[in-house]
Amino acid sequence: MIRKTLVDKECDACILISGDADFITAMQIIKDSGFEAITCCVKMGHASELKEGKFRYLILKKDDLEKCLK
């Protein structure tokens, strides 16, 4: 994510499909560089640190996931 956004300049925004708090540092670097950093995950799989207001986040519903698998 960092390389594609900050080095290669291929992204205007990054969307992390994970609820893992291990990605907070990467998300913060991207956001501090002036890019949009969004995280999305299923309702019960989201680390509370990602929902503290630092990043926009989306909750994926079962229907959303099923559409992706088609």
N, C-alpha and C. Protein backbone atom coordinates (compact mmCIF):
# COMPACT_ATOMS: atom_id res chain seq x y z
N MET A 1 0.82 -1.19 0.00
CA MET A 1 0.00 0.00 0.00
C MET A 1 0.87 1.26 0.00
N ILE A 2 1.87 1.25 0.84
CA ILE A 2 2.75 2.43 0.90
C ILE A 2 3.49 2.63 -0.41
N ARG A 3 4.04 1.56 -0.97
CA ARG A 3 4.77 1.68 -2.24
C ARG A 3 3.87 2.18 -3.36
N LYS A 4 2.69 1.58 -3.50
CA LYS A 4 1.78 1.95 -4.59
C LYS A 4 1.31 3.40 -4.45
N THR A 5 1.17 3.88 -3.23
CA THR A 5 0.67 5.23 -3.00
C THR A 5 1.79 6.27 -3.02
N LEU A 6 2.79 6.08 -2.19
CA LEU A 6 3.80 7.11 -2.00
C LEU A 6 4.99 7.04 -2.94
N VAL A 7 5.37 5.85 -3.38
CA VAL A 7 6.54 5.70 -4.25
C VAL A 7 6.12 5.68 -5.72
N ASP A 8 5.23 4.75 -6.06
CA ASP A 8 4.82 4.60 -7.46
C ASP A 8 3.75 5.62 -7.88
N LYS A 9 3.13 6.28 -6.92
CA LYS A 9 2.09 7.30 -7.18
C LYS A 9 0.95 6.74 -8.04
N GLU A 10 0.54 5.50 -7.78
CA GLU A 10 -0.51 4.85 -8.55
C GLU A 10 -1.89 4.93 -7.89
N CYS A 11 -1.95 5.47 -6.69
CA CYS A 11 -3.22 5.50 -5.95
C CYS A 11 -3.50 6.89 -5.40
N ASP A 12 -4.77 7.23 -5.33
CA ASP A 12 -5.19 8.45 -4.65
C ASP A 12 -5.75 8.11 -3.27
N ALA A 13 -6.16 6.86 -3.11
CA ALA A 13 -6.73 6.40 -1.85
C ALA A 13 -6.38 4.92 -1.68
N CYS A 14 -6.29 4.50 -0.45
CA CYS A 14 -6.03 3.09 -0.16
C CYS A 14 -7.19 2.53 0.64
N ILE A 15 -7.62 1.35 0.25
CA ILE A 15 -8.67 0.66 0.98
C ILE A 15 -8.09 -0.66 1.46
N LEU A 16 -8.00 -0.80 2.75
CA LEU A 16 -7.50 -2.01 3.37
C LEU A 16 -8.69 -2.91 3.70
N ILE A 17 -8.70 -4.09 3.14
CA ILE A 17 -9.76 -5.05 3.45
C ILE A 17 -9.22 -5.99 4.51
N SER A 18 -9.27 -5.51 5.72
CA SER A 18 -8.79 -6.26 6.88
C SER A 18 -9.18 -5.48 8.12
N GLY A 19 -9.38 -6.17 9.19
CA GLY A 19 -9.66 -5.52 10.46
C GLY A 19 -8.51 -5.65 11.43
N ASP A 20 -7.35 -6.01 10.93
CA ASP A 20 -6.19 -6.29 11.76
C ASP A 20 -5.48 -5.00 12.17
N ALA A 21 -5.25 -4.83 13.44
CA ALA A 21 -4.59 -3.63 13.96
C ALA A 21 -3.13 -3.54 13.55
N ASP A 22 -2.54 -4.63 13.05
CA ASP A 22 -1.14 -4.60 12.60
C ASP A 22 -0.92 -3.63 11.45
N PHE A 23 -1.97 -3.24 10.76
CA PHE A 23 -1.85 -2.35 9.60
C PHE A 23 -1.98 -0.88 9.96
N ILE A 24 -2.16 -0.56 11.24
CA ILE A 24 -2.37 0.83 11.65
C ILE A 24 -1.19 1.72 11.25
N THR A 25 0.03 1.25 11.43
CA THR A 25 1.20 2.07 11.09
C THR A 25 1.20 2.43 9.60
N ALA A 26 0.96 1.46 8.74
CA ALA A 26 0.93 1.72 7.30
C ALA A 26 -0.20 2.68 6.95
N MET A 27 -1.36 2.47 7.55
CA MET A 27 -2.50 3.35 7.29
C MET A 27 -2.19 4.78 7.75
N GLN A 28 -1.53 4.92 8.88
CA GLN A 28 -1.20 6.25 9.40
C GLN A 28 -0.18 6.96 8.52
N ILE A 29 0.82 6.23 8.01
CA ILE A 29 1.80 6.83 7.10
C ILE A 29 1.11 7.36 5.86
N ILE A 30 0.20 6.59 5.30
CA ILE A 30 -0.54 7.01 4.10
C ILE A 30 -1.39 8.24 4.40
N LYS A 31 -2.11 8.21 5.51
CA LYS A 31 -2.97 9.35 5.87
C LYS A 31 -2.14 10.60 6.14
N ASP A 32 -1.03 10.45 6.87
CA ASP A 32 -0.16 11.61 7.17
C ASP A 32 0.44 12.21 5.91
N SER A 33 0.51 11.44 4.83
CA SER A 33 1.05 11.93 3.56
C SER A 33 -0.02 12.61 2.71
N GLY A 34 -1.24 12.71 3.24
CA GLY A 34 -2.30 13.43 2.56
C GLY A 34 -3.20 12.59 1.69
N PHE A 35 -3.11 11.29 1.80
CA PHE A 35 -3.96 10.40 1.01
C PHE A 35 -5.08 9.84 1.88
N GLU A 36 -6.13 9.43 1.24
CA GLU A 36 -7.26 8.80 1.93
C GLU A 36 -6.86 7.38 2.34
N ALA A 37 -7.14 7.03 3.57
CA ALA A 37 -6.88 5.68 4.08
C ALA A 37 -8.17 5.14 4.67
N ILE A 38 -8.73 4.13 4.02
CA ILE A 38 -10.01 3.56 4.43
C ILE A 38 -9.79 2.09 4.76
N THR A 39 -10.44 1.62 5.78
CA THR A 39 -10.37 0.20 6.11
C THR A 39 -11.78 -0.38 6.10
N CYS A 40 -11.90 -1.61 5.68
CA CYS A 40 -13.20 -2.26 5.71
C CYS A 40 -13.05 -3.72 6.13
N CYS A 41 -14.06 -4.19 6.80
CA CYS A 41 -14.01 -5.53 7.36
C CYS A 41 -15.43 -5.97 7.70
N VAL A 42 -15.56 -7.24 8.05
CA VAL A 42 -16.86 -7.73 8.51
C VAL A 42 -17.12 -7.16 9.91
N LYS A 43 -18.36 -7.15 10.32
CA LYS A 43 -18.78 -6.49 11.55
C LYS A 43 -18.01 -6.95 12.79
N MET A 44 -17.81 -8.23 12.94
CA MET A 44 -17.20 -8.75 14.17
C MET A 44 -15.69 -8.96 14.04
N GLY A 45 -15.08 -8.50 12.96
CA GLY A 45 -13.66 -8.76 12.77
C GLY A 45 -12.82 -7.51 12.67
N HIS A 46 -13.20 -6.47 13.37
CA HIS A 46 -12.56 -5.18 13.23
C HIS A 46 -11.90 -4.78 14.54
N ALA A 47 -10.59 -4.55 14.53
CA ALA A 47 -9.90 -4.11 15.73
C ALA A 47 -10.42 -2.75 16.18
N SER A 48 -10.63 -2.60 17.45
CA SER A 48 -11.19 -1.34 17.97
C SER A 48 -10.29 -0.14 17.66
N GLU A 49 -8.97 -0.36 17.56
CA GLU A 49 -8.04 0.73 17.24
C GLU A 49 -8.32 1.34 15.87
N LEU A 50 -8.84 0.53 14.95
CA LEU A 50 -9.14 1.04 13.60
C LEU A 50 -10.43 1.85 13.58
N LYS A 51 -11.23 1.74 14.63
CA LYS A 51 -12.50 2.47 14.69
C LYS A 51 -12.45 3.68 15.62
N GLU A 52 -11.29 4.10 16.04
CA GLU A 52 -11.17 5.20 16.99
C GLU A 52 -11.31 6.57 16.34
N GLY A 53 -11.61 6.64 15.09
CA GLY A 53 -11.82 7.92 14.43
C GLY A 53 -10.65 8.41 13.60
N LYS A 54 -9.55 7.69 13.60
CA LYS A 54 -8.39 8.12 12.80
C LYS A 54 -8.58 7.82 11.33
N PHE A 55 -9.32 6.77 11.03
CA PHE A 55 -9.52 6.34 9.64
C PHE A 55 -11.00 6.14 9.37
N ARG A 56 -11.36 6.38 8.12
CA ARG A 56 -12.72 6.01 7.71
C ARG A 56 -12.78 4.50 7.63
N TYR A 57 -13.92 3.94 7.98
CA TYR A 57 -14.06 2.49 7.86
C TYR A 57 -15.45 2.12 7.38
N LEU A 58 -15.51 1.00 6.71
CA LEU A 58 -16.75 0.46 6.17
C LEU A 58 -16.95 -0.93 6.75
N ILE A 59 -18.18 -1.25 7.08
CA ILE A 59 -18.50 -2.60 7.55
C ILE A 59 -19.09 -3.37 6.37
N LEU A 60 -18.46 -4.48 6.02
CA LEU A 60 -18.93 -5.32 4.92
C LEU A 60 -20.03 -6.25 5.43
N LYS A 61 -21.09 -6.33 4.67
CA LYS A 61 -22.18 -7.25 4.99
C LYS A 61 -22.00 -8.54 4.19
N LYS A 62 -22.68 -9.57 4.60
CA LYS A 62 -22.58 -10.86 3.92
C LYS A 62 -22.91 -10.72 2.44
N ASP A 63 -23.91 -9.94 2.11
CA ASP A 63 -24.28 -9.74 0.69
C ASP A 63 -23.14 -9.09 -0.09
N ASP A 64 -22.46 -8.16 0.54
CA ASP A 64 -21.33 -7.49 -0.11
C ASP A 64 -20.24 -8.50 -0.47
N LEU A 65 -19.94 -9.38 0.48
CA LEU A 65 -18.90 -10.39 0.26
C LEU A 65 -19.30 -11.38 -0.81
N GLU A 66 -20.55 -11.79 -0.80
CA GLU A 66 -21.02 -12.75 -1.81
C GLU A 66 -20.93 -12.16 -3.21
N LYS A 67 -21.19 -10.87 -3.37
CA LYS A 67 -21.08 -10.23 -4.67
C LYS A 67 -19.63 -10.25 -5.17
N CYS A 68 -18.68 -10.12 -4.26
CA CYS A 68 -17.26 -10.13 -4.62
C CYS A 68 -16.79 -11.50 -5.08
N LEU A 69 -17.43 -12.53 -4.63
CA LEU A 69 -17.00 -13.89 -4.94
C LEU A 69 -17.57 -14.42 -6.25
N LYS A 70 -18.41 -13.66 -6.90
CA LYS A 70 -19.01 -14.10 -8.16
C LYS A 70 -18.07 -13.91 -9.30
